[in-house]
């Protein structure tokens, strides 16, 4: 009987640890619903998600060779309100005197009560072929600023933006807004 109780206790403990780990991590592979797409129009009229095929050849080769966890969409609670937010790289087409040009924007869809979303654009990148991707940084992780002694402990899931062969940094929520810390050059 004691062995059954111990096994049951271990099972419950492992289950609780598994659930808490999943709650503190973001997920990839999000399907955008109509409300989300309607909000994206606020970023640009012809918005679409950046695909792996949009990246330059060097970046695609790097991701394939290193089995890097590549994503242009992350889902998680980025601002600590217990609602599912979405971070995504958006490709925007615009026309100017030189023809059609594409840019990328890092946008966050923050879910509000009632299931609606509001959008925050964190960064804009002028050339689509610059090869940017996202990774989730786990809640509680210590992040150190590049070339500085500054460090922070993430209170919510962080969004690491990797600018291939240029720099990387983490966007994190604190005091009601997103902040940025550069982590590499």
C-alpha atoms as a PDB file:
ATOM      1  CA  UNK A   1       0.000   0.000   0.000  1.00  0.00           C
ATOM      2  CA  UNK A   2       2.839   2.381   0.843  1.00  0.00           C
ATOM      3  CA  UNK A   3       4.439   1.688  -2.558  1.00  0.00           C
ATOM      4  CA  UNK A   4       1.183   2.589  -4.338  1.00  0.00           C
ATOM      5  CA  UNK A   5       0.974   5.856  -2.396  1.00  0.00           C
ATOM      6  CA  UNK A   6       4.571   6.700  -3.263  1.00  0.00           C
ATOM      7  CA  UNK A   7       3.988   5.886  -6.942  1.00  0.00           C
ATOM      8  CA  UNK A   8       0.815   7.959  -6.979  1.00  0.00           C
ATOM      9  CA  UNK A   9       2.624  10.871  -5.310  1.00  0.00           C
ATOM     10  CA  UNK A  10       5.474  10.668  -7.847  1.00  0.00           C
ATOM     11  CA  UNK A  11       2.995  10.557 -10.722  1.00  0.00           C
ATOM     12  CA  UNK A  12       1.193  13.670  -9.420  1.00  0.00           C
ATOM     13  CA  UNK A  13       4.512  15.480  -8.857  1.00  0.00           C
ATOM     14  CA  UNK A  14       5.726  14.710 -12.387  1.00  0.00           C
ATOM     15  CA  UNK A  15       2.367  15.785 -13.831  1.00  0.00           C
ATOM     16  CA  UNK A  16       2.458  19.116 -11.932  1.00  0.00           C
ATOM     17  CA  UNK A  17       6.040  19.778 -13.065  1.00  0.00           C
ATOM     18  CA  UNK A  18       5.086  18.997 -16.680  1.00  0.00           C
ATOM     19  CA  UNK A  19       2.075  21.335 -16.579  1.00  0.00           C
ATOM     20  CA  UNK A  20       4.043  24.187 -14.984  1.00  0.00           C
ATOM     21  CA  UNK A  21       6.827  23.809 -17.568  1.00  0.00           C
ATOM     22  CA  UNK A  22       4.344  24.047 -20.412  1.00  0.00           C
ATOM     23  CA  UNK A  23       2.689  27.121 -18.886  1.00  0.00           C
ATOM     24  CA  UNK A  24       6.009  28.976 -18.764  1.00  0.00           C
ATOM     25  CA  UNK A  25       6.956  28.322 -22.376  1.00  0.00           C
ATOM     26  CA  UNK A  26       5.691  29.642 -25.654  1.00  0.00           C
ATOM     27  CA  UNK A  27       4.443  27.457 -28.466  1.00  0.00           C
ATOM     28  CA  UNK A  28       4.966  27.705 -32.212  1.00  0.00           C
ATOM     29  CA  UNK A  29       2.651  26.844 -35.087  1.00  0.00           C
ATOM     30  CA  UNK A  30      -0.257  29.179 -34.393  1.00  0.00           C
ATOM     31  CA  UNK A  31      -3.254  29.386 -36.723  1.00  0.00           C
ATOM     32  CA  UNK A  32      -4.503  32.946 -37.082  1.00  0.00           C
ATOM     33  CA  UNK A  33      -8.261  33.398 -36.770  1.00  0.00           C
ATOM     34  CA  UNK A  34     -10.341  36.174 -38.376  1.00  0.00           C
ATOM     35  CA  UNK A  35     -10.005  38.537 -35.370  1.00  0.00           C
ATOM     36  CA  UNK A  36      -6.221  38.203 -35.482  1.00  0.00           C
ATOM     37  CA  UNK A  37      -6.101  38.803 -39.229  1.00  0.00           C
ATOM     38  CA  UNK A  38      -8.331  41.883 -38.842  1.00  0.00           C
ATOM     39  CA  UNK A  39      -5.881  43.316 -36.302  1.00  0.00           C
ATOM     40  CA  UNK A  40      -2.924  42.597 -38.615  1.00  0.00           C
ATOM     41  CA  UNK A  41      -4.449  44.890 -41.230  1.00  0.00           C
ATOM     42  CA  UNK A  42      -3.634  47.727 -38.809  1.00  0.00           C
ATOM     43  CA  UNK A  43       0.062  46.921 -39.350  1.00  0.00           C
ATOM     44  CA  UNK A  44      -0.181  46.902 -43.139  1.00  0.00           C
ATOM     45  CA  UNK A  45      -2.889  46.328 -45.730  1.00  0.00           C
ATOM     46  CA  UNK A  46      -1.192  43.363 -47.403  1.00  0.00           C
ATOM     47  CA  UNK A  47       0.101  41.499 -44.342  1.00  0.00           C
ATOM     48  CA  UNK A  48       1.241  37.889 -44.340  1.00  0.00           C
ATOM     49  CA  UNK A  49       3.411  35.810 -42.065  1.00  0.00           C
ATOM     50  CA  UNK A  50       7.086  35.495 -42.937  1.00  0.00           C
ATOM     51  CA  UNK A  51       7.795  31.980 -44.230  1.00  0.00           C
ATOM     52  CA  UNK A  52      11.068  30.074 -44.261  1.00  0.00           C
ATOM     53  CA  UNK A  53      11.122  30.489 -48.049  1.00  0.00           C
ATOM     54  CA  UNK A  54      11.306  34.290 -47.527  1.00  0.00           C
ATOM     55  CA  UNK A  55      14.701  33.957 -45.824  1.00  0.00           C
ATOM     56  CA  UNK A  56      17.994  34.298 -47.643  1.00  0.00           C
ATOM     57  CA  UNK A  57      19.798  31.124 -48.761  1.00  0.00           C
ATOM     58  CA  UNK A  58      22.527  31.354 -46.091  1.00  0.00           C
ATOM     59  CA  UNK A  59      19.915  31.535 -43.348  1.00  0.00           C
ATOM     60  CA  UNK A  60      17.908  28.598 -44.690  1.00  0.00           C
ATOM     61  CA  UNK A  61      21.112  26.509 -44.961  1.00  0.00           C
ATOM     62  CA  UNK A  62      22.137  27.446 -41.405  1.00  0.00           C
ATOM     63  CA  UNK A  63      18.743  26.445 -40.003  1.00  0.00           C
ATOM     64  CA  UNK A  64      18.777  23.135 -41.877  1.00  0.00           C
ATOM     65  CA  UNK A  65      22.378  22.254 -40.926  1.00  0.00           C
ATOM     66  CA  UNK A  66      22.036  23.174 -37.244  1.00  0.00           C
ATOM     67  CA  UNK A  67      18.475  21.934 -36.718  1.00  0.00           C
ATOM     68  CA  UNK A  68      17.822  25.373 -35.242  1.00  0.00           C
ATOM     69  CA  UNK A  69      14.390  25.893 -33.699  1.00  0.00           C
ATOM     70  CA  UNK A  70      13.156  28.425 -36.259  1.00  0.00           C
ATOM     71  CA  UNK A  71       9.909  30.258 -35.861  1.00  0.00           C
ATOM     72  CA  UNK A  72       8.257  33.426 -37.062  1.00  0.00           C
ATOM     73  CA  UNK A  73       5.257  32.888 -34.763  1.00  0.00           C
ATOM     74  CA  UNK A  74       5.210  32.274 -31.001  1.00  0.00           C
ATOM     75  CA  UNK A  75       2.246  31.881 -28.691  1.00  0.00           C
ATOM     76  CA  UNK A  76       2.473  32.419 -24.937  1.00  0.00           C
ATOM     77  CA  UNK A  77       1.568  34.750 -22.101  1.00  0.00           C
ATOM     78  CA  UNK A  78       4.101  37.513 -22.768  1.00  0.00           C
ATOM     79  CA  UNK A  79       2.601  40.132 -20.439  1.00  0.00           C
ATOM     80  CA  UNK A  80       1.575  38.026 -17.428  1.00  0.00           C
ATOM     81  CA  UNK A  81      -2.204  38.432 -17.677  1.00  0.00           C
ATOM     82  CA  UNK A  82      -2.838  34.674 -18.148  1.00  0.00           C
ATOM     83  CA  UNK A  83      -4.168  35.206 -21.698  1.00  0.00           C
ATOM     84  CA  UNK A  84      -2.679  33.761 -24.899  1.00  0.00           C
ATOM     85  CA  UNK A  85      -0.643  36.389 -26.741  1.00  0.00           C
ATOM     86  CA  UNK A  86       1.049  35.956 -30.115  1.00  0.00           C
ATOM     87  CA  UNK A  87       4.410  37.286 -31.332  1.00  0.00           C
ATOM     88  CA  UNK A  88       4.874  37.185 -35.085  1.00  0.00           C
ATOM     89  CA  UNK A  89       7.002  38.414 -37.917  1.00  0.00           C
ATOM     90  CA  UNK A  90       4.785  40.037 -40.499  1.00  0.00           C
ATOM     91  CA  UNK A  91       5.707  40.609 -44.128  1.00  0.00           C
ATOM     92  CA  UNK A  92       4.279  43.828 -45.534  1.00  0.00           C
ATOM     93  CA  UNK A  93       4.167  44.676 -49.213  1.00  0.00           C
ATOM     94  CA  UNK A  94       4.118  48.305 -50.202  1.00  0.00           C
ATOM     95  CA  UNK A  95       4.371  50.129 -53.511  1.00  0.00           C
ATOM     96  CA  UNK A  96       6.608  53.086 -54.137  1.00  0.00           C
ATOM     97  CA  UNK A  97       8.086  54.766 -57.216  1.00  0.00           C
ATOM     98  CA  UNK A  98      10.594  51.895 -57.587  1.00  0.00           C
ATOM     99  CA  UNK A  99       7.970  49.151 -57.527  1.00  0.00           C
ATOM    100  CA  UNK A 100       6.827  46.641 -54.908  1.00  0.00           C
ATOM    101  CA  UNK A 101       8.935  46.395 -51.771  1.00  0.00           C
ATOM    102  CA  UNK A 102       8.576  44.103 -48.765  1.00  0.00           C
ATOM    103  CA  UNK A 103       9.451  44.893 -45.167  1.00  0.00           C
ATOM    104  CA  UNK A 104       9.160  42.876 -41.974  1.00  0.00           C
ATOM    105  CA  UNK A 105       7.662  43.932 -38.664  1.00  0.00           C
ATOM    106  CA  UNK A 106       7.850  42.209 -35.306  1.00  0.00           C
ATOM    107  CA  UNK A 107       4.335  42.532 -33.924  1.00  0.00           C
ATOM    108  CA  UNK A 108       2.693  41.322 -30.730  1.00  0.00           C
ATOM    109  CA  UNK A 109      -1.001  40.493 -30.590  1.00  0.00           C
ATOM    110  CA  UNK A 110      -1.923  40.959 -26.938  1.00  0.00           C
ATOM    111  CA  UNK A 111      -5.132  39.171 -26.080  1.00  0.00           C
ATOM    112  CA  UNK A 112      -7.607  41.161 -24.028  1.00  0.00           C
ATOM    113  CA  UNK A 113     -10.589  40.041 -21.973  1.00  0.00           C
ATOM    114  CA  UNK A 114     -13.338  38.849 -24.310  1.00  0.00           C
ATOM    115  CA  UNK A 115     -10.875  37.323 -26.788  1.00  0.00           C
ATOM    116  CA  UNK A 116     -10.113  40.474 -28.798  1.00  0.00           C
ATOM    117  CA  UNK A 117      -6.532  41.493 -29.590  1.00  0.00           C
ATOM    118  CA  UNK A 118      -4.600  44.736 -29.605  1.00  0.00           C
ATOM    119  CA  UNK A 119      -1.400  45.044 -31.584  1.00  0.00           C
ATOM    120  CA  UNK A 120       1.985  46.466 -30.680  1.00  0.00           C
ATOM    121  CA  UNK A 121       4.710  46.777 -33.312  1.00  0.00           C
ATOM    122  CA  UNK A 122       8.071  46.338 -31.585  1.00  0.00           C
ATOM    123  CA  UNK A 123      10.437  46.693 -34.546  1.00  0.00           C
ATOM    124  CA  UNK A 124      10.451  47.234 -38.287  1.00  0.00           C
ATOM    125  CA  UNK A 125      13.067  45.812 -40.648  1.00  0.00           C
ATOM    126  CA  UNK A 126      13.521  47.451 -44.049  1.00  0.00           C
ATOM    127  CA  UNK A 127      14.526  44.400 -46.100  1.00  0.00           C
ATOM    128  CA  UNK A 128      12.732  41.065 -46.091  1.00  0.00           C
ATOM    129  CA  UNK A 129      15.884  39.119 -46.938  1.00  0.00           C
ATOM    130  CA  UNK A 130      17.666  40.141 -43.726  1.00  0.00           C
ATOM    131  CA  UNK A 131      16.631  36.826 -42.138  1.00  0.00           C
ATOM    132  CA  UNK A 132      15.121  37.333 -38.728  1.00  0.00           C
ATOM    133  CA  UNK A 133      13.591  34.633 -36.577  1.00  0.00           C
ATOM    134  CA  UNK A 134      12.132  34.262 -33.086  1.00  0.00           C
ATOM    135  CA  UNK A 135      12.661  31.994 -30.084  1.00  0.00           C
ATOM    136  CA  UNK A 136      10.801  31.877 -26.791  1.00  0.00           C
ATOM    137  CA  UNK A 137      12.807  32.483 -23.621  1.00  0.00           C
ATOM    138  CA  UNK A 138      11.469  30.696 -20.570  1.00  0.00           C
ATOM    139  CA  UNK A 139       9.993  32.538 -17.639  1.00  0.00           C
ATOM    140  CA  UNK A 140      12.556  32.942 -14.803  1.00  0.00           C
ATOM    141  CA  UNK A 141      15.615  32.870 -17.059  1.00  0.00           C
ATOM    142  CA  UNK A 142      18.420  35.338 -16.345  1.00  0.00           C
ATOM    143  CA  UNK A 143      19.247  37.485 -19.396  1.00  0.00           C
ATOM    144  CA  UNK A 144      22.538  39.383 -19.595  1.00  0.00           C
ATOM    145  CA  UNK A 145      22.986  42.479 -21.730  1.00  0.00           C
ATOM    146  CA  UNK A 146      25.768  42.352 -24.321  1.00  0.00           C
ATOM    147  CA  UNK A 147      28.903  44.333 -23.321  1.00  0.00           C
ATOM    148  CA  UNK A 148      27.422  45.300 -19.954  1.00  0.00           C
ATOM    149  CA  UNK A 149      26.964  43.999 -16.429  1.00  0.00           C
ATOM    150  CA  UNK A 150      23.196  44.602 -16.644  1.00  0.00           C
ATOM    151  CA  UNK A 151      21.055  41.507 -16.199  1.00  0.00           C
ATOM    152  CA  UNK A 152      17.366  40.837 -15.743  1.00  0.00           C
ATOM    153  CA  UNK A 153      15.260  37.903 -14.614  1.00  0.00           C
ATOM    154  CA  UNK A 154      12.281  37.303 -16.884  1.00  0.00           C
ATOM    155  CA  UNK A 155       8.980  37.563 -15.013  1.00  0.00           C
ATOM    156  CA  UNK A 156       7.093  36.488 -18.138  1.00  0.00           C
ATOM    157  CA  UNK A 157       7.978  34.594 -21.292  1.00  0.00           C
ATOM    158  CA  UNK A 158      10.525  36.590 -23.314  1.00  0.00           C
ATOM    159  CA  UNK A 159      10.728  36.910 -27.091  1.00  0.00           C
ATOM    160  CA  UNK A 160      14.231  36.511 -28.464  1.00  0.00           C
ATOM    161  CA  UNK A 161      14.697  38.178 -31.844  1.00  0.00           C
ATOM    162  CA  UNK A 162      17.657  36.778 -33.770  1.00  0.00           C
ATOM    163  CA  UNK A 163      18.888  38.944 -36.619  1.00  0.00           C
ATOM    164  CA  UNK A 164      21.032  36.386 -38.466  1.00  0.00           C
ATOM    165  CA  UNK A 165      24.751  37.296 -38.477  1.00  0.00           C
ATOM    166  CA  UNK A 166      23.972  40.727 -36.994  1.00  0.00           C
ATOM    167  CA  UNK A 167      22.594  40.738 -33.448  1.00  0.00           C
ATOM    168  CA  UNK A 168      20.077  39.247 -31.079  1.00  0.00           C
ATOM    169  CA  UNK A 169      18.082  40.560 -28.188  1.00  0.00           C
ATOM    170  CA  UNK A 170      15.139  39.821 -25.951  1.00  0.00           C
ATOM    171  CA  UNK A 171      11.859  41.697 -25.675  1.00  0.00           C
ATOM    172  CA  UNK A 172      10.271  41.336 -22.245  1.00  0.00           C
ATOM    173  CA  UNK A 173       7.276  42.785 -20.426  1.00  0.00           C
ATOM    174  CA  UNK A 174       7.825  44.879 -17.317  1.00  0.00           C
ATOM    175  CA  UNK A 175       5.880  47.736 -15.694  1.00  0.00           C
ATOM    176  CA  UNK A 176       3.095  47.665 -18.290  1.00  0.00           C
ATOM    177  CA  UNK A 177       5.217  47.750 -21.442  1.00  0.00           C
ATOM    178  CA  UNK A 178       7.749  45.867 -23.539  1.00  0.00           C
ATOM    179  CA  UNK A 179      11.455  46.511 -23.024  1.00  0.00           C
ATOM    180  CA  UNK A 180      14.458  45.339 -25.032  1.00  0.00           C
ATOM    181  CA  UNK A 181      17.849  44.057 -23.984  1.00  0.00           C
ATOM    182  CA  UNK A 182      20.559  43.309 -26.551  1.00  0.00           C
ATOM    183  CA  UNK A 183      22.193  39.944 -25.867  1.00  0.00           C
ATOM    184  CA  UNK A 184      24.724  39.608 -28.713  1.00  0.00           C
ATOM    185  CA  UNK A 185      26.394  41.610 -31.424  1.00  0.00           C
END
